[in-house]
Amino acid sequence: MYPTTNADYAGFVRATGHRAPQHWPDGRCPDSILDHPVVWVTWHDAAAYADWAGKTLPTSRQWEKAARGPKGRTSPWGDAPTAAKCNVLDSDIGHTTPVTRYQSGVSPYGVYDMCGNTWEWCATESAPGRYELKGSAFTSPFTRAAPSLRNDANATMSDNDTGFRCVSVGL
């Protein structure tokens, strides 16, 4: 339903001793961003969290289906383009926002933040050591926010605009 939040990831860090994201002072997440998507995580960090949570990262196909719905909409909210329903560069916010902020941008399946806020790691390997990213981010123009857009990065990359979400195994 939501991208993995800083609060979710903090539980993982506490339980496992896994490395905290670099933007957490002293390895602790600031209270002001607990409900924001976690960022500064590599694909390996995301996969480790998913495994710990008994879940997996979505494939690109699963991610896109969750975003576009059963009728293959252009955007989660429909076919009319508007940057007002997501956190992208055109929104002039300049940072992540709480994962529940864009109620009008929810997909037909009730999934939040499928356009904007953060790029999200997927389980789909695009080339050896590279994995697909979906969703665009607050650093991306709205023209890059289409769920069908393809992007990828080296599995060791982490950035201030890259996070992830998980899916339940066996669903």
C-alpha atoms as a PDB file:
ATOM      1  CA  MET A   1       0.000   0.000   0.000  1.00  0.00           C
ATOM      2  CA  TYR A   2       2.807   2.470   0.893  1.00  0.00           C
ATOM      3  CA  PRO A   3       6.512   2.784   0.211  1.00  0.00           C
ATOM      4  CA  THR A   4       8.671   1.580   3.094  1.00  0.00           C
ATOM      5  CA  THR A   5       8.873   4.460   5.559  1.00  0.00           C
ATOM      6  CA  ASN A   6      11.702   5.620   7.754  1.00  0.00           C
ATOM      7  CA  ALA A   7       9.734   4.287  10.747  1.00  0.00           C
ATOM      8  CA  ASP A   8       9.491   0.849   9.112  1.00  0.00           C
ATOM      9  CA  TYR A   9      13.184   0.843   8.276  1.00  0.00           C
ATOM     10  CA  ALA A  10      14.147   2.017  11.772  1.00  0.00           C
ATOM     11  CA  GLY A  11      12.557  -1.152  13.171  1.00  0.00           C
ATOM     12  CA  PHE A  12      14.687  -3.216  10.810  1.00  0.00           C
ATOM     13  CA  VAL A  13      17.867  -1.346  11.774  1.00  0.00           C
ATOM     14  CA  ARG A  14      17.124  -1.805  15.502  1.00  0.00           C
ATOM     15  CA  ALA A  15      16.297  -5.502  15.127  1.00  0.00           C
ATOM     16  CA  THR A  16      19.199  -6.484  12.880  1.00  0.00           C
ATOM     17  CA  GLY A  17      21.962  -3.938  13.390  1.00  0.00           C
ATOM     18  CA  HIS A  18      21.857  -3.192   9.656  1.00  0.00           C
ATOM     19  CA  ARG A  19      23.523   0.059   8.593  1.00  0.00           C
ATOM     20  CA  ALA A  20      21.251   3.108   8.948  1.00  0.00           C
ATOM     21  CA  PRO A  21      20.778   5.484   5.996  1.00  0.00           C
ATOM     22  CA  GLN A  22      23.399   8.233   5.870  1.00  0.00           C
ATOM     23  CA  HIS A  23      20.922  11.051   6.530  1.00  0.00           C
ATOM     24  CA  TRP A  24      19.978   9.746   9.985  1.00  0.00           C
ATOM     25  CA  PRO A  25      22.064  11.630  12.567  1.00  0.00           C
ATOM     26  CA  ASP A  26      23.806   9.175  14.909  1.00  0.00           C
ATOM     27  CA  GLY A  27      22.023   6.313  13.118  1.00  0.00           C
ATOM     28  CA  ARG A  28      18.577   7.427  14.332  1.00  0.00           C
ATOM     29  CA  CYS A  29      15.776   8.692  12.136  1.00  0.00           C
ATOM     30  CA  PRO A  30      14.583  12.223  12.938  1.00  0.00           C
ATOM     31  CA  ASP A  31      10.970  12.204  14.183  1.00  0.00           C
ATOM     32  CA  SER A  32      10.036  14.774  11.529  1.00  0.00           C
ATOM     33  CA  ILE A  33      10.518  12.260   8.697  1.00  0.00           C
ATOM     34  CA  LEU A  34       9.322   8.996  10.260  1.00  0.00           C
ATOM     35  CA  ASP A  35       6.318   8.902   7.890  1.00  0.00           C
ATOM     36  CA  HIS A  36       8.394   9.746   4.798  1.00  0.00           C
ATOM     37  CA  PRO A  37       9.745   7.035   2.498  1.00  0.00           C
ATOM     38  CA  VAL A  38      13.173   5.773   3.497  1.00  0.00           C
ATOM     39  CA  VAL A  39      15.925   6.938   1.116  1.00  0.00           C
ATOM     40  CA  TRP A  40      19.687   6.549   0.796  1.00  0.00           C
ATOM     41  CA  VAL A  41      19.265   2.765   0.507  1.00  0.00           C
ATOM     42  CA  THR A  42      20.945   0.487  -2.012  1.00  0.00           C
ATOM     43  CA  TRP A  43      19.158  -2.359  -3.776  1.00  0.00           C
ATOM     44  CA  HIS A  44      20.956  -4.693  -1.344  1.00  0.00           C
ATOM     45  CA  ASP A  45      19.605  -2.729   1.647  1.00  0.00           C
ATOM     46  CA  ALA A  46      16.088  -2.899   0.194  1.00  0.00           C
ATOM     47  CA  ALA A  47      16.353  -6.645  -0.479  1.00  0.00           C
ATOM     48  CA  ALA A  48      17.674  -7.275   3.054  1.00  0.00           C
ATOM     49  CA  TYR A  49      14.755  -5.353   4.563  1.00  0.00           C
ATOM     50  CA  ALA A  50      12.246  -7.242   2.395  1.00  0.00           C
ATOM     51  CA  ASP A  51      13.734 -10.579   3.440  1.00  0.00           C
ATOM     52  CA  TRP A  52      13.648  -9.563   7.118  1.00  0.00           C
ATOM     53  CA  ALA A  53       9.991  -8.514   6.735  1.00  0.00           C
ATOM     54  CA  GLY A  54       9.061 -11.825   5.057  1.00  0.00           C
ATOM     55  CA  LYS A  55       8.316 -10.029   1.810  1.00  0.00           C
ATOM     56  CA  THR A  56      10.057  -9.298  -1.474  1.00  0.00           C
ATOM     57  CA  LEU A  57      10.682  -6.360  -3.746  1.00  0.00           C
ATOM     58  CA  PRO A  58       8.114  -6.190  -6.553  1.00  0.00           C
ATOM     59  CA  THR A  59       9.081  -7.060 -10.091  1.00  0.00           C
ATOM     60  CA  SER A  60       8.747  -4.199 -12.567  1.00  0.00           C
ATOM     61  CA  ARG A  61       5.603  -5.835 -13.958  1.00  0.00           C
ATOM     62  CA  GLN A  62       4.027  -6.151 -10.510  1.00  0.00           C
ATOM     63  CA  TRP A  63       4.941  -2.563  -9.680  1.00  0.00           C
ATOM     64  CA  GLU A  64       3.486  -1.206 -12.922  1.00  0.00           C
ATOM     65  CA  LYS A  65       0.273  -3.234 -12.566  1.00  0.00           C
ATOM     66  CA  ALA A  66      -0.202  -1.877  -9.025  1.00  0.00           C
ATOM     67  CA  ALA A  67       0.305   1.666 -10.341  1.00  0.00           C
ATOM     68  CA  ARG A  68      -1.800   1.524 -13.512  1.00  0.00           C
ATOM     69  CA  GLY A  69      -4.629  -0.712 -12.355  1.00  0.00           C
ATOM     70  CA  PRO A  70      -6.616  -3.311 -14.290  1.00  0.00           C
ATOM     71  CA  LYS A  71      -7.315  -0.971 -17.225  1.00  0.00           C
ATOM     72  CA  GLY A  72      -3.723   0.191 -17.758  1.00  0.00           C
ATOM     73  CA  ARG A  73      -4.227   3.854 -16.913  1.00  0.00           C
ATOM     74  CA  THR A  74      -1.534   6.342 -17.881  1.00  0.00           C
ATOM     75  CA  SER A  75      -1.241   7.455 -14.237  1.00  0.00           C
ATOM     76  CA  PRO A  76      -2.478   5.896 -10.991  1.00  0.00           C
ATOM     77  CA  TRP A  77      -5.359   8.404 -10.803  1.00  0.00           C
ATOM     78  CA  GLY A  78      -6.399   8.113 -14.468  1.00  0.00           C
ATOM     79  CA  ASP A  79      -5.367   9.329 -17.886  1.00  0.00           C
ATOM     80  CA  ALA A  80      -5.376  13.096 -17.264  1.00  0.00           C
ATOM     81  CA  PRO A  81      -1.824  14.314 -16.598  1.00  0.00           C
ATOM     82  CA  THR A  82      -1.416  16.524 -13.527  1.00  0.00           C
ATOM     83  CA  ALA A  83       1.562  17.111 -11.262  1.00  0.00           C
ATOM     84  CA  ALA A  84      -0.816  18.133  -8.440  1.00  0.00           C
ATOM     85  CA  LYS A  85      -1.365  14.487  -7.461  1.00  0.00           C
ATOM     86  CA  CYS A  86       2.277  13.615  -6.768  1.00  0.00           C
ATOM     87  CA  ASN A  87       5.557  14.965  -5.388  1.00  0.00           C
ATOM     88  CA  VAL A  88       7.711  15.780  -8.423  1.00  0.00           C
ATOM     89  CA  LEU A  89      10.133  18.558  -9.322  1.00  0.00           C
ATOM     90  CA  ASP A  90       7.242  20.630 -10.729  1.00  0.00           C
ATOM     91  CA  SER A  91       5.662  20.614  -7.249  1.00  0.00           C
ATOM     92  CA  ASP A  92       8.504  22.822  -5.913  1.00  0.00           C
ATOM     93  CA  ILE A  93       8.676  20.929  -2.595  1.00  0.00           C
ATOM     94  CA  GLY A  94      12.301  19.854  -2.896  1.00  0.00           C
ATOM     95  CA  HIS A  95      12.247  16.865  -0.518  1.00  0.00           C
ATOM     96  CA  THR A  96      10.253  13.746   0.296  1.00  0.00           C
ATOM     97  CA  THR A  97       6.776  14.057   1.789  1.00  0.00           C
ATOM     98  CA  PRO A  98       4.715  11.754   4.050  1.00  0.00           C
ATOM     99  CA  VAL A  99       3.625   8.641   2.157  1.00  0.00           C
ATOM    100  CA  THR A 100      -0.076   9.429   2.746  1.00  0.00           C
ATOM    101  CA  ARG A 101       0.049  13.045   1.521  1.00  0.00           C
ATOM    102  CA  TYR A 102      -1.316  12.526  -2.010  1.00  0.00           C
ATOM    103  CA  GLN A 103      -4.703  10.908  -1.362  1.00  0.00           C
ATOM    104  CA  SER A 104      -5.979  11.882  -4.823  1.00  0.00           C
ATOM    105  CA  GLY A 105      -3.019  10.135  -6.480  1.00  0.00           C
ATOM    106  CA  VAL A 106      -3.800   6.645  -5.152  1.00  0.00           C
ATOM    107  CA  SER A 107      -3.972   3.817  -7.706  1.00  0.00           C
ATOM    108  CA  PRO A 108      -7.137   1.748  -8.345  1.00  0.00           C
ATOM    109  CA  TYR A 109      -5.686  -0.880  -6.003  1.00  0.00           C
ATOM    110  CA  GLY A 110      -5.309   1.642  -3.167  1.00  0.00           C
ATOM    111  CA  VAL A 111      -1.544   1.973  -3.544  1.00  0.00           C
ATOM    112  CA  TYR A 112       0.066   5.320  -2.624  1.00  0.00           C
ATOM    113  CA  ASP A 113       3.012   7.219  -4.115  1.00  0.00           C
ATOM    114  CA  MET A 114       3.302   5.336  -7.394  1.00  0.00           C
ATOM    115  CA  CYS A 115       4.325   8.588  -9.105  1.00  0.00           C
ATOM    116  CA  GLY A 116       6.837  10.899  -7.502  1.00  0.00           C
ATOM    117  CA  ASN A 117       8.291  11.154  -4.001  1.00  0.00           C
ATOM    118  CA  THR A 118      10.999   8.487  -4.545  1.00  0.00           C
ATOM    119  CA  TRP A 119      12.284   6.182  -7.234  1.00  0.00           C
ATOM    120  CA  GLU A 120      11.648   2.630  -6.026  1.00  0.00           C
ATOM    121  CA  TRP A 121      13.915  -0.367  -6.371  1.00  0.00           C
ATOM    122  CA  CYS A 122      12.382  -3.397  -8.097  1.00  0.00           C
ATOM    123  CA  ALA A 123      13.462  -7.038  -8.114  1.00  0.00           C
ATOM    124  CA  THR A 124      13.897  -6.965 -11.908  1.00  0.00           C
ATOM    125  CA  GLU A 125      17.530  -7.072 -12.986  1.00  0.00           C
ATOM    126  CA  SER A 126      18.042  -5.001 -16.162  1.00  0.00           C
ATOM    127  CA  ALA A 127      21.690  -6.017 -16.669  1.00  0.00           C
ATOM    128  CA  PRO A 128      24.192  -7.804 -14.448  1.00  0.00           C
ATOM    129  CA  GLY A 129      24.335  -5.856 -11.167  1.00  0.00           C
ATOM    130  CA  ARG A 130      21.716  -3.298 -12.277  1.00  0.00           C
ATOM    131  CA  TYR A 131      18.077  -3.219 -11.162  1.00  0.00           C
ATOM    132  CA  GLU A 132      15.018  -1.387 -12.406  1.00  0.00           C
ATOM    133  CA  LEU A 133      13.655   1.662 -10.612  1.00  0.00           C
ATOM    134  CA  LYS A 134      10.048   2.795 -10.955  1.00  0.00           C
ATOM    135  CA  GLY A 135       7.925   5.772 -10.004  1.00  0.00           C
ATOM    136  CA  SER A 136      10.101   8.873 -10.429  1.00  0.00           C
ATOM    137  CA  ALA A 137      10.892  11.206  -7.527  1.00  0.00           C
ATOM    138  CA  PHE A 138      10.678  14.699  -6.084  1.00  0.00           C
ATOM    139  CA  THR A 139      13.838  15.432  -8.105  1.00  0.00           C
ATOM    140  CA  SER A 140      12.252  14.389 -11.419  1.00  0.00           C
ATOM    141  CA  PRO A 141      10.090  16.453 -13.772  1.00  0.00           C
ATOM    142  CA  PHE A 142       6.482  15.295 -14.102  1.00  0.00           C
ATOM    143  CA  THR A 143       7.248  14.081 -17.638  1.00  0.00           C
ATOM    144  CA  ARG A 144       9.320  11.286 -16.017  1.00  0.00           C
ATOM    145  CA  ALA A 145       6.510  10.198 -13.675  1.00  0.00           C
ATOM    146  CA  ALA A 146       4.669   7.758 -15.959  1.00  0.00           C
ATOM    147  CA  PRO A 147       4.433   4.286 -14.372  1.00  0.00           C
ATOM    148  CA  SER A 148       5.433   2.770 -17.718  1.00  0.00           C
ATOM    149  CA  LEU A 149       8.762   4.643 -17.723  1.00  0.00           C
ATOM    150  CA  ARG A 150      11.880   2.519 -17.382  1.00  0.00           C
ATOM    151  CA  ASN A 151      14.905   3.483 -15.293  1.00  0.00           C
ATOM    152  CA  ASP A 152      17.680   1.465 -13.683  1.00  0.00           C
ATOM    153  CA  ALA A 153      20.773   1.817 -11.529  1.00  0.00           C
ATOM    154  CA  ASN A 154      23.694  -0.128 -10.163  1.00  0.00           C
ATOM    155  CA  ALA A 155      22.643  -2.194  -7.131  1.00  0.00           C
ATOM    156  CA  THR A 156      25.152  -0.329  -4.950  1.00  0.00           C
ATOM    157  CA  MET A 157      23.716   3.121  -5.737  1.00  0.00           C
ATOM    158  CA  SER A 158      21.966   5.072  -2.992  1.00  0.00           C
ATOM    159  CA  ASP A 159      20.594   8.584  -3.256  1.00  0.00           C
ATOM    160  CA  ASN A 160      18.320  11.093  -1.536  1.00  0.00           C
ATOM    161  CA  ASP A 161      15.507  10.250  -3.966  1.00  0.00           C
ATOM    162  CA  THR A 162      15.644   6.440  -4.029  1.00  0.00           C
ATOM    163  CA  GLY A 163      13.682   4.095  -1.770  1.00  0.00           C
ATOM    164  CA  PHE A 164      11.528   0.991  -2.152  1.00  0.00           C
ATOM    165  CA  ARG A 165       8.325  -0.815  -1.267  1.00  0.00           C
ATOM    166  CA  CYS A 166       7.668  -4.481  -0.616  1.00  0.00           C
ATOM    167  CA  VAL A 167       5.066  -6.977  -1.719  1.00  0.00           C
ATOM    168  CA  SER A 168       3.823  -9.998   0.170  1.00  0.00           C
ATOM    169  CA  VAL A 169       5.276 -13.303  -0.910  1.00  0.00           C
ATOM    170  CA  GLY A 170       2.813 -15.639  -2.596  1.00  0.00           C
ATOM    171  CA  LEU A 171       0.165 -13.070  -3.512  1.00  0.00           C
END
